[in-house]
Amino acid sequence: MSTTQSERLRELLEPLVSSQGLDLEEISVDSVGRKRVLSVVVDSDTGADLDQIADVSRALSAKLDETNAMGEGEYTLEVGTPGAERPLTEHRHYVRALDRLVKFQLTEGGELVARILEVDDEGLDVEVPGVKGRKATGRRLAFADIDKARVQVEFNRKDKNEKEEEA
């Protein structure tokens, strides 16, 4: 049986989030002054729009009120999606980050910044950008070789459609 409040809340809320077509990525309860804040992070393979966030927020709020899972004190429910520079911790996160630039901390030490090209059950095929006019190179990373991975924000990247139009 679960012992922490976050684990109990996850067991209670995860089926509800899943029924809305979303994945429950993270849940935390923090104290802010005298109030508590329940933060719930949801996502899906296609992302979550504002309407989905509002729907799941209403459903979670109703479930929390019905079960009194947060106790008698006041709390604030915050429901959102992962940030732009989200850490990649699950297989589905890597799949969702296809074609994105990612900074990898490798288990053997060192860092690698590369674009995810393909994901399978064993690892990733990535493209390491070329430096100073050199061509990009391909590399294979096994999941066991990755200690941490975080999506990088790209401001000047052209999407595939723009590249095809220029060709």
N, C-alpha and C. Protein backbone atom coordinates (compact mmCIF):
# COMPACT_ATOMS: atom_id res chain seq x y z
N MET A 1 0.83 -1.19 0.00
CA MET A 1 0.00 0.00 0.00
C MET A 1 0.87 1.24 0.00
N SER A 2 0.41 2.28 -0.68
CA SER A 2 1.15 3.53 -0.77
C SER A 2 1.25 4.21 0.58
N THR A 3 2.35 4.89 0.77
CA THR A 3 2.54 5.56 2.06
C THR A 3 2.52 7.07 1.95
N THR A 4 2.98 7.63 0.84
CA THR A 4 3.02 9.09 0.77
C THR A 4 1.72 9.63 0.18
N GLN A 5 1.46 10.88 0.52
CA GLN A 5 0.25 11.53 0.01
C GLN A 5 0.27 11.59 -1.52
N SER A 6 1.44 11.89 -2.09
CA SER A 6 1.54 11.97 -3.55
C SER A 6 1.22 10.63 -4.20
N GLU A 7 1.68 9.52 -3.60
CA GLU A 7 1.38 8.20 -4.16
C GLU A 7 -0.10 7.88 -4.06
N ARG A 8 -0.71 8.22 -2.93
CA ARG A 8 -2.16 7.99 -2.78
C ARG A 8 -2.95 8.83 -3.78
N LEU A 9 -2.54 10.07 -3.96
CA LEU A 9 -3.22 10.93 -4.92
C LEU A 9 -3.04 10.42 -6.34
N ARG A 10 -1.86 9.92 -6.67
CA ARG A 10 -1.61 9.36 -8.00
C ARG A 10 -2.55 8.18 -8.25
N GLU A 11 -2.68 7.28 -7.28
CA GLU A 11 -3.57 6.13 -7.42
C GLU A 11 -5.02 6.57 -7.63
N LEU A 12 -5.41 7.63 -6.95
CA LEU A 12 -6.78 8.13 -7.06
C LEU A 12 -7.03 8.85 -8.39
N LEU A 13 -6.07 9.67 -8.82
CA LEU A 13 -6.30 10.56 -9.95
C LEU A 13 -5.86 10.01 -11.31
N GLU A 14 -4.90 9.10 -11.32
CA GLU A 14 -4.39 8.60 -12.60
C GLU A 14 -5.47 7.98 -13.49
N PRO A 15 -6.37 7.14 -12.95
CA PRO A 15 -7.42 6.59 -13.82
C PRO A 15 -8.32 7.68 -14.42
N LEU A 16 -8.55 8.73 -13.67
CA LEU A 16 -9.38 9.83 -14.15
C LEU A 16 -8.68 10.59 -15.27
N VAL A 17 -7.40 10.84 -15.10
CA VAL A 17 -6.61 11.53 -16.14
C VAL A 17 -6.57 10.66 -17.40
N SER A 18 -6.33 9.35 -17.23
CA SER A 18 -6.28 8.43 -18.37
C SER A 18 -7.61 8.39 -19.11
N SER A 19 -8.71 8.46 -18.38
CA SER A 19 -10.04 8.43 -19.02
C SER A 19 -10.27 9.67 -19.88
N GLN A 20 -9.49 10.72 -19.66
CA GLN A 20 -9.59 11.95 -20.45
C GLN A 20 -8.63 11.91 -21.64
N GLY A 21 -7.93 10.75 -21.83
CA GLY A 21 -7.01 10.61 -22.95
C GLY A 21 -5.64 11.22 -22.70
N LEU A 22 -5.30 11.43 -21.44
CA LEU A 22 -4.02 12.05 -21.09
C LEU A 22 -3.22 11.13 -20.18
N ASP A 23 -1.93 11.41 -20.08
CA ASP A 23 -1.05 10.69 -19.15
C ASP A 23 -0.77 11.59 -17.96
N LEU A 24 -0.80 11.02 -16.76
CA LEU A 24 -0.42 11.75 -15.56
C LEU A 24 1.09 11.65 -15.45
N GLU A 25 1.77 12.76 -15.72
CA GLU A 25 3.23 12.77 -15.75
C GLU A 25 3.83 13.01 -14.37
N GLU A 26 3.22 13.89 -13.61
CA GLU A 26 3.82 14.28 -12.33
C GLU A 26 2.74 14.78 -11.40
N ILE A 27 2.95 14.56 -10.12
CA ILE A 27 2.02 15.07 -9.12
C ILE A 27 2.85 15.45 -7.90
N SER A 28 2.55 16.62 -7.33
CA SER A 28 3.28 17.05 -6.13
C SER A 28 2.37 17.90 -5.27
N VAL A 29 2.62 17.84 -3.95
CA VAL A 29 1.90 18.66 -2.99
C VAL A 29 2.95 19.49 -2.27
N ASP A 30 2.81 20.81 -2.36
CA ASP A 30 3.75 21.73 -1.72
C ASP A 30 3.00 22.68 -0.82
N SER A 31 3.66 23.11 0.24
CA SER A 31 3.09 24.12 1.13
C SER A 31 3.59 25.49 0.71
N VAL A 32 2.65 26.42 0.57
CA VAL A 32 2.98 27.80 0.25
C VAL A 32 2.30 28.65 1.33
N GLY A 33 3.09 29.04 2.31
CA GLY A 33 2.49 29.73 3.46
C GLY A 33 1.57 28.77 4.18
N ARG A 34 0.34 29.21 4.40
CA ARG A 34 -0.64 28.35 5.09
C ARG A 34 -1.42 27.46 4.13
N LYS A 35 -1.28 27.72 2.84
CA LYS A 35 -2.02 26.94 1.85
C LYS A 35 -1.15 25.83 1.28
N ARG A 36 -1.83 24.83 0.79
CA ARG A 36 -1.16 23.76 0.07
C ARG A 36 -1.49 23.89 -1.41
N VAL A 37 -0.53 23.51 -2.24
CA VAL A 37 -0.72 23.54 -3.69
C VAL A 37 -0.53 22.14 -4.23
N LEU A 38 -1.57 21.62 -4.88
CA LEU A 38 -1.49 20.33 -5.55
C LEU A 38 -1.24 20.62 -7.03
N SER A 39 -0.04 20.25 -7.49
CA SER A 39 0.33 20.45 -8.90
C SER A 39 0.24 19.13 -9.63
N VAL A 40 -0.49 19.14 -10.73
CA VAL A 40 -0.68 17.95 -11.55
C VAL A 40 -0.21 18.28 -12.96
N VAL A 41 0.72 17.49 -13.49
CA VAL A 41 1.24 17.69 -14.84
C VAL A 41 0.72 16.56 -15.71
N VAL A 42 0.06 16.92 -16.81
CA VAL A 42 -0.51 15.95 -17.73
C VAL A 42 0.04 16.20 -19.14
N ASP A 43 -0.02 15.16 -19.98
CA ASP A 43 0.45 15.29 -21.35
C ASP A 43 -0.14 14.15 -22.17
N SER A 44 0.07 14.20 -23.47
CA SER A 44 -0.32 13.10 -24.35
C SER A 44 0.61 13.12 -25.55
N ASP A 45 0.51 12.12 -26.39
CA ASP A 45 1.37 12.06 -27.57
C ASP A 45 1.16 13.24 -28.49
N THR A 46 -0.02 13.80 -28.48
CA THR A 46 -0.32 14.95 -29.35
C THR A 46 -0.34 16.26 -28.58
N GLY A 47 0.06 16.22 -27.31
CA GLY A 47 0.01 17.42 -26.48
C GLY A 47 -1.38 17.57 -25.87
N ALA A 48 -1.53 18.54 -25.02
CA ALA A 48 -2.83 18.80 -24.39
C ALA A 48 -3.18 20.27 -24.61
N ASP A 49 -4.38 20.51 -25.13
CA ASP A 49 -4.78 21.90 -25.36
C ASP A 49 -5.50 22.45 -24.13
N LEU A 50 -5.83 23.72 -24.18
CA LEU A 50 -6.45 24.38 -23.02
C LEU A 50 -7.79 23.78 -22.65
N ASP A 51 -8.57 23.36 -23.64
CA ASP A 51 -9.87 22.75 -23.34
C ASP A 51 -9.69 21.43 -22.58
N GLN A 52 -8.71 20.62 -23.01
CA GLN A 52 -8.44 19.36 -22.31
C GLN A 52 -7.97 19.62 -20.88
N ILE A 53 -7.12 20.61 -20.72
CA ILE A 53 -6.61 20.96 -19.38
C ILE A 53 -7.77 21.39 -18.49
N ALA A 54 -8.67 22.23 -19.03
CA ALA A 54 -9.82 22.69 -18.25
C ALA A 54 -10.73 21.52 -17.88
N ASP A 55 -10.98 20.62 -18.84
CA ASP A 55 -11.84 19.46 -18.57
C ASP A 55 -11.26 18.56 -17.48
N VAL A 56 -9.97 18.26 -17.60
CA VAL A 56 -9.36 17.37 -16.61
C VAL A 56 -9.26 18.08 -15.25
N SER A 57 -9.06 19.37 -15.26
CA SER A 57 -9.00 20.13 -14.00
C SER A 57 -10.34 20.06 -13.27
N ARG A 58 -11.44 20.23 -14.00
CA ARG A 58 -12.77 20.13 -13.38
C ARG A 58 -13.02 18.73 -12.84
N ALA A 59 -12.64 17.72 -13.62
CA ALA A 59 -12.85 16.34 -13.19
C ALA A 59 -12.02 16.01 -11.95
N LEU A 60 -10.78 16.46 -11.92
CA LEU A 60 -9.92 16.21 -10.76
C LEU A 60 -10.45 16.93 -9.53
N SER A 61 -10.88 18.16 -9.71
CA SER A 61 -11.41 18.94 -8.60
C SER A 61 -12.63 18.26 -7.99
N ALA A 62 -13.53 17.78 -8.85
CA ALA A 62 -14.74 17.10 -8.36
C ALA A 62 -14.36 15.82 -7.60
N LYS A 63 -13.41 15.06 -8.14
CA LYS A 63 -12.99 13.82 -7.49
C LYS A 63 -12.34 14.11 -6.14
N LEU A 64 -11.52 15.13 -6.07
CA LEU A 64 -10.85 15.50 -4.82
C LEU A 64 -11.87 15.94 -3.77
N ASP A 65 -12.86 16.71 -4.20
CA ASP A 65 -13.91 17.15 -3.27
C ASP A 65 -14.75 15.97 -2.78
N GLU A 66 -15.07 15.07 -3.70
CA GLU A 66 -15.91 13.91 -3.39
C GLU A 66 -15.23 12.97 -2.39
N THR A 67 -13.93 12.79 -2.53
CA THR A 67 -13.21 11.83 -1.70
C THR A 67 -12.54 12.47 -0.49
N ASN A 68 -12.48 13.80 -0.46
CA ASN A 68 -11.81 14.53 0.61
C ASN A 68 -10.34 14.10 0.73
N ALA A 69 -9.74 13.76 -0.41
CA ALA A 69 -8.36 13.25 -0.45
C ALA A 69 -7.33 14.27 0.01
N MET A 70 -7.65 15.55 -0.07
CA MET A 70 -6.71 16.58 0.36
C MET A 70 -6.97 17.02 1.80
N GLY A 71 -7.93 16.40 2.46
CA GLY A 71 -8.22 16.75 3.85
C GLY A 71 -9.08 17.99 3.95
N GLU A 72 -9.17 18.51 5.15
CA GLU A 72 -10.07 19.64 5.43
C GLU A 72 -9.49 21.00 5.08
N GLY A 73 -8.16 21.14 5.09
CA GLY A 73 -7.54 22.45 4.87
C GLY A 73 -7.70 22.93 3.43
N GLU A 74 -7.44 24.24 3.27
CA GLU A 74 -7.52 24.82 1.92
C GLU A 74 -6.35 24.35 1.07
N TYR A 75 -6.61 24.25 -0.21
CA TYR A 75 -5.54 23.93 -1.15
C TYR A 75 -5.90 24.52 -2.50
N THR A 76 -4.89 24.66 -3.34
CA THR A 76 -5.07 25.14 -4.70
C THR A 76 -4.68 24.01 -5.64
N LEU A 77 -5.52 23.75 -6.63
CA LEU A 77 -5.23 22.74 -7.64
C LEU A 77 -4.68 23.44 -8.87
N GLU A 78 -3.49 23.04 -9.31
CA GLU A 78 -2.89 23.57 -10.53
C GLU A 78 -2.69 22.41 -11.49
N VAL A 79 -3.27 22.52 -12.68
CA VAL A 79 -3.12 21.48 -13.70
C VAL A 79 -2.46 22.11 -14.91
N GLY A 80 -1.41 21.48 -15.41
CA GLY A 80 -0.70 22.02 -16.56
C GLY A 80 0.02 20.92 -17.33
N THR A 81 0.80 21.36 -18.30
CA THR A 81 1.59 20.45 -19.12
C THR A 81 3.07 20.65 -18.79
N PRO A 82 3.91 19.70 -19.22
CA PRO A 82 5.35 19.86 -18.95
C PRO A 82 5.88 21.10 -19.66
N GLY A 83 6.91 21.67 -19.11
CA GLY A 83 7.52 22.85 -19.72
C GLY A 83 8.24 22.51 -21.01
N ALA A 84 8.68 23.55 -21.70
CA ALA A 84 9.35 23.38 -22.98
C ALA A 84 10.64 22.58 -22.85
N GLU A 85 11.35 22.76 -21.75
CA GLU A 85 12.62 22.05 -21.55
C GLU A 85 12.44 20.87 -20.61
N ARG A 86 11.42 20.09 -20.84
CA ARG A 86 11.08 18.98 -19.97
C ARG A 86 12.17 17.92 -19.93
N PRO A 87 12.37 17.31 -18.77
CA PRO A 87 13.27 16.16 -18.71
C PRO A 87 12.58 14.94 -19.33
N LEU A 88 13.35 14.10 -19.97
CA LEU A 88 12.82 12.89 -20.59
C LEU A 88 13.16 11.73 -19.67
N THR A 89 12.13 11.11 -19.10
CA THR A 89 12.35 10.04 -18.13
C THR A 89 11.66 8.74 -18.51
N GLU A 90 10.71 8.79 -19.41
CA GLU A 90 9.95 7.60 -19.82
C GLU A 90 10.11 7.40 -21.33
N HIS A 91 9.93 6.17 -21.78
CA HIS A 91 10.02 5.86 -23.21
C HIS A 91 9.10 6.79 -24.01
N ARG A 92 7.88 7.00 -23.52
CA ARG A 92 6.93 7.84 -24.27
C ARG A 92 7.42 9.28 -24.39
N HIS A 93 8.23 9.76 -23.43
CA HIS A 93 8.77 11.12 -23.53
C HIS A 93 9.72 11.24 -24.72
N TYR A 94 10.54 10.20 -24.92
CA TYR A 94 11.46 10.21 -26.06
C TYR A 94 10.68 10.18 -27.38
N VAL A 95 9.62 9.38 -27.43
CA VAL A 95 8.79 9.31 -28.64
C VAL A 95 8.19 10.69 -28.92
N ARG A 96 7.72 11.35 -27.89
CA ARG A 96 7.12 12.67 -28.06
C ARG A 96 8.15 13.73 -28.46
N ALA A 97 9.42 13.45 -28.20
CA ALA A 97 10.48 14.41 -28.51
C ALA A 97 11.14 14.14 -29.87
N LEU A 98 10.52 13.28 -30.68
CA LEU A 98 11.06 13.03 -32.02
C LEU A 98 11.28 14.34 -32.76
N ASP A 99 12.40 14.45 -33.43
CA ASP A 99 12.78 15.61 -34.22
C ASP A 99 13.11 16.84 -33.36
N ARG A 100 13.23 16.66 -32.05
CA ARG A 100 13.60 17.75 -31.16
C ARG A 100 15.07 17.64 -30.79
N LEU A 101 15.68 18.77 -30.48
CA LEU A 101 17.05 18.81 -30.01
C LEU A 101 17.05 18.52 -28.52
N VAL A 102 17.93 17.61 -28.09
CA VAL A 102 17.96 17.16 -26.70
C VAL A 102 19.40 17.19 -26.20
N LYS A 103 19.54 17.61 -24.94
CA LYS A 103 20.85 17.58 -24.29
C LYS A 103 20.88 16.33 -23.41
N PHE A 104 21.83 15.45 -23.70
CA PHE A 104 21.98 14.18 -22.98
C PHE A 104 23.16 14.26 -22.02
N GLN A 105 22.95 13.80 -20.79
CA GLN A 105 24.04 13.53 -19.86
C GLN A 105 24.26 12.03 -19.96
N LEU A 106 25.45 11.62 -20.33
CA LEU A 106 25.72 10.21 -20.56
C LEU A 106 26.22 9.53 -19.30
N THR A 107 25.87 8.26 -19.14
CA THR A 107 26.27 7.52 -17.93
C THR A 107 27.78 7.38 -17.83
N GLU A 108 28.46 7.34 -18.98
CA GLU A 108 29.92 7.23 -18.99
C GLU A 108 30.59 8.57 -18.71
N GLY A 109 29.79 9.61 -18.56
CA GLY A 109 30.30 10.96 -18.37
C GLY A 109 30.24 11.73 -19.67
N GLY A 110 30.17 13.02 -19.57
CA GLY A 110 30.11 13.86 -20.74
C GLY A 110 28.69 14.17 -21.17
N GLU A 111 28.60 15.11 -22.09
CA GLU A 111 27.31 15.57 -22.61
C GLU A 111 27.28 15.40 -24.12
N LEU A 112 26.08 15.33 -24.62
CA LEU A 112 25.87 15.26 -26.06
C LEU A 112 24.58 16.02 -26.37
N VAL A 113 24.65 16.91 -27.35
CA VAL A 113 23.45 17.58 -27.81
C VAL A 113 23.16 17.04 -29.20
N ALA A 114 21.97 16.47 -29.38
CA ALA A 114 21.64 15.83 -30.64
C ALA A 114 20.12 15.86 -30.86
N ARG A 115 19.74 15.67 -32.11
CA ARG A 115 18.32 15.62 -32.48
C ARG A 115 17.87 14.17 -32.53
N ILE A 116 16.73 13.87 -31.91
CA ILE A 116 16.20 12.51 -31.92
C ILE A 116 15.54 12.23 -33.27
N LEU A 117 16.03 11.19 -33.95
CA LEU A 117 15.49 10.82 -35.25
C LEU A 117 14.54 9.64 -35.17
N GLU A 118 14.89 8.66 -34.30
CA GLU A 118 14.07 7.46 -34.18
C GLU A 118 14.18 6.91 -32.77
N VAL A 119 13.10 6.30 -32.30
CA VAL A 119 13.07 5.69 -30.97
C VAL A 119 12.53 4.28 -31.10
N ASP A 120 13.22 3.33 -30.46
CA ASP A 120 12.69 1.97 -30.39
C ASP A 120 12.81 1.49 -28.94
N ASP A 121 12.58 0.22 -28.70
CA ASP A 121 12.58 -0.30 -27.33
C ASP A 121 13.96 -0.30 -26.67
N GLU A 122 15.02 -0.32 -27.47
CA GLU A 122 16.38 -0.39 -26.91
C GLU A 122 17.05 0.97 -26.77
N GLY A 123 16.66 1.94 -27.60
CA GLY A 123 17.34 3.23 -27.55
C GLY A 123 16.92 4.18 -28.65
N LEU A 124 17.86 5.05 -29.02
CA LEU A 124 17.56 6.15 -29.94
C LEU A 124 18.58 6.22 -31.07
N ASP A 125 18.12 6.65 -32.23
CA ASP A 125 19.01 7.09 -33.29
C ASP A 125 18.95 8.60 -33.24
N VAL A 126 20.12 9.22 -33.15
CA VAL A 126 20.18 10.68 -33.04
C VAL A 126 21.09 11.24 -34.12
N GLU A 127 20.93 12.53 -34.38
CA GLU A 127 21.78 13.25 -35.31
C GLU A 127 22.50 14.34 -34.53
N VAL A 128 23.82 14.28 -34.53
CA VAL A 128 24.64 15.27 -33.85
C VAL A 128 24.93 16.38 -34.85
N PRO A 129 24.50 17.62 -34.55
CA PRO A 129 24.70 18.72 -35.50
C PRO A 129 26.18 18.94 -35.79
N GLY A 130 26.47 19.27 -37.05
CA GLY A 130 27.85 19.59 -37.43
C GLY A 130 28.25 20.95 -36.89
N VAL A 131 29.55 21.12 -36.67
CA VAL A 131 30.08 22.38 -36.15
C VAL A 131 31.00 22.99 -37.20
N LYS A 132 30.90 24.30 -37.38
CA LYS A 132 31.77 25.05 -38.30
C LYS A 132 31.78 24.46 -39.71
N GLY A 133 30.59 24.28 -40.27
CA GLY A 133 30.47 23.83 -41.65
C GLY A 133 30.55 22.33 -41.86
N ARG A 134 30.80 21.57 -40.81
CA ARG A 134 30.86 20.12 -40.96
C ARG A 134 29.45 19.55 -41.02
N LYS A 135 29.34 18.39 -41.65
CA LYS A 135 28.04 17.74 -41.75
C LYS A 135 27.64 17.09 -40.43
N ALA A 136 26.34 16.99 -40.23
CA ALA A 136 25.81 16.30 -39.05
C ALA A 136 26.16 14.82 -39.14
N THR A 137 26.32 14.19 -37.98
CA THR A 137 26.64 12.76 -37.96
C THR A 137 25.58 12.00 -37.16
N GLY A 138 25.34 10.77 -37.56
CA GLY A 138 24.38 9.92 -36.86
C GLY A 138 25.05 9.16 -35.74
N ARG A 139 24.27 8.82 -34.73
CA ARG A 139 24.80 8.05 -33.60
C ARG A 139 23.65 7.28 -32.98
N ARG A 140 23.98 6.14 -32.41
CA ARG A 140 23.01 5.31 -31.72
C ARG A 140 23.27 5.43 -30.22
N LEU A 141 22.22 5.68 -29.44
CA LEU A 141 22.31 5.73 -27.98
C LEU A 141 21.37 4.70 -27.39
N ALA A 142 21.91 3.81 -26.58
CA ALA A 142 21.07 2.87 -25.84
C ALA A 142 20.52 3.61 -24.62
N PHE A 143 19.33 3.26 -24.19
CA PHE A 143 18.76 3.91 -23.00
C PHE A 143 19.68 3.78 -21.79
N ALA A 144 20.39 2.65 -21.71
CA ALA A 144 21.31 2.42 -20.59
C ALA A 144 22.47 3.43 -20.59
N ASP A 145 22.77 4.02 -21.74
CA ASP A 145 23.87 4.98 -21.86
C ASP A 145 23.46 6.40 -21.46
N ILE A 146 22.17 6.60 -21.22
CA ILE A 146 21.64 7.95 -20.93
C ILE A 146 21.36 8.07 -19.44
N ASP A 147 22.03 9.02 -18.81
CA ASP A 147 21.78 9.30 -17.39
C ASP A 147 20.62 10.28 -17.26
N LYS A 148 20.67 11.37 -18.01
CA LYS A 148 19.62 12.38 -18.02
C LYS A 148 19.47 12.91 -19.44
N ALA A 149 18.26 13.37 -19.74
CA ALA A 149 18.01 13.97 -21.05
C ALA A 149 16.97 15.08 -20.88
N ARG A 150 17.21 16.19 -21.57
CA ARG A 150 16.29 17.32 -21.46
C ARG A 150 16.15 17.98 -22.83
N VAL A 151 14.90 18.21 -23.24
CA VAL A 151 14.61 18.88 -24.50
C VAL A 151 15.15 20.31 -24.43
N GLN A 152 15.73 20.77 -25.54
CA GLN A 152 16.26 22.12 -25.63
C GLN A 152 15.31 23.01 -26.44
N VAL A 153 15.20 24.24 -26.05
CA VAL A 153 14.37 25.20 -26.78
C VAL A 153 15.16 25.71 -27.97
N GLU A 154 14.53 25.70 -29.14
CA GLU A 154 15.16 26.21 -30.36
C GLU A 154 14.34 27.38 -30.88
N PHE A 155 14.98 28.53 -31.00
CA PHE A 155 14.26 29.72 -31.46
C PHE A 155 14.37 29.93 -32.96
N ASN A 156 15.46 29.51 -33.58
CA ASN A 156 15.69 29.81 -34.99
C ASN A 156 15.55 28.62 -35.91
N ARG A 157 14.99 27.53 -35.42
CA ARG A 157 14.90 26.32 -36.21
C ARG A 157 13.80 26.42 -37.26
N LYS A 158 14.14 26.02 -38.48
CA LYS A 158 13.14 25.96 -39.53
C LYS A 158 12.48 24.60 -39.46
N ASP A 159 11.15 24.56 -39.64
CA ASP A 159 10.49 23.26 -39.62
C ASP A 159 10.65 22.59 -40.99
N LYS A 160 10.23 21.35 -41.06
CA LYS A 160 10.42 20.55 -42.27
C LYS A 160 9.78 21.21 -43.50
N ASN A 161 8.59 21.80 -43.36
CA ASN A 161 7.91 22.42 -44.49
C ASN A 161 8.71 23.57 -45.06
N GLU A 162 9.32 24.40 -44.20
CA GLU A 162 10.13 25.52 -44.68
C GLU A 162 11.35 25.01 -45.42
N LYS A 163 12.01 23.94 -44.94
CA LYS A 163 13.17 23.38 -45.60
C LYS A 163 12.80 22.86 -46.98
N GLU A 164 11.63 22.18 -47.07
CA GLU A 164 11.20 21.62 -48.34
C GLU A 164 10.87 22.73 -49.35
N GLU A 165 10.30 23.85 -48.88
CA GLU A 165 9.97 24.95 -49.77
C GLU A 165 11.22 25.61 -50.33
N GLU A 166 12.31 25.66 -49.52
CA GLU A 166 13.55 26.28 -49.98
C GLU A 166 14.25 25.42 -51.02
N ALA A 167 14.04 24.11 -50.97
CA ALA A 167 14.77 23.18 -51.88
C ALA A 167 14.26 23.28 -53.30
